[in-house]
Amino acid sequence: MRERVTIRKTWLSEKNDNVKHLFAIGTQNIELENYETLQSEQAKFKDLLLLPKLRDAYGTLTKKVSQSFQRIYDLYDFDYLLKVDDDSFVVLHKLLVNLDTWEAKGYRKELYWGFFNGKAQVKRLGAWKETEWNLCDHYLPYAVGGGYVLSYNLVKYIAINVDSLRLFNSEDVSVGLWLSALANIERRHDIRFDTEYRSRGCSNEYLITHKQSTESMKALHDYYTMTGNLCSKEFSSRMSYHYNWTVPPSQCCVRKAGII
């Protein structure tokens, strides 16, 4: 709950009638006291997406995403869906401006927007190991899971076909696989999505920055509200890359200094 409270008070605090936010929570087998607490929170904020068929755990994240997509598709009319982790900070109005710009250009493609990885090796150990992946030696190109945007028809495709789709431990890898065979998609790699498994630093250009504590979210929000910048001092702790879509995925992602 602490993360939800912080998000509501920071990057979701600026109200926008064109945005509906939801916190997805699995409620299968939870204790009665915890369920009643969630019901009280829902009565107050009306922003919980409760998933009664999901046991909320690290090992069920892909099910959580797929079930969330199903419920959102069934319940809401929307143009785009932004999926973010609860430790990601979003500069929401800038993200929306970028979506408006995308629409104004009149692209007749579906949008899959994030920070893409095309050469990630299949994990065989640890919490995210994939024992069932037998397609190739690497994962197929996917937008990493700290935050990515899907246009309506991509969410619709997943929602109506989920019972026929293979679910892997990593939800972002799974989404990339599910969408890999679809035509007419703009896979937009954006270095302003600091959404890898650890943050690359701080840049005033970032639209999303991942792996933030509740304390750092408050600090980012306070500084941004006061100055219009995310960072009191920009810095890089890890090199970034521009995705090269003209070469095989194994050669896609060469990290270089000077890229945010």
Foldseek 3Di string as FASTA:
>chain_A
DLLVVLCCVFQVVDDDPQDAAAAEDEDAPDDPVVVVVVVVVCVVPVHYDYHPVDDDDLQCVQVSVLVVLLVCLVPDDHFKDKAADSQKHFNPVVVVVVVVVVVVVPQPFWEKEAAKAAAAAAACDDPQHWPPDDPDRHQHIWHAHRMIMTTDVLSVQSNVCVVVADGGSGNRSRSCVSCVPDPRYDYHHDLLHQRHPAGQWFDQSHRMHGDHDSVLSVVQRVVCVVPVGRDPDTDTPFFFADFDPVDRSNPGTDGDPPRD
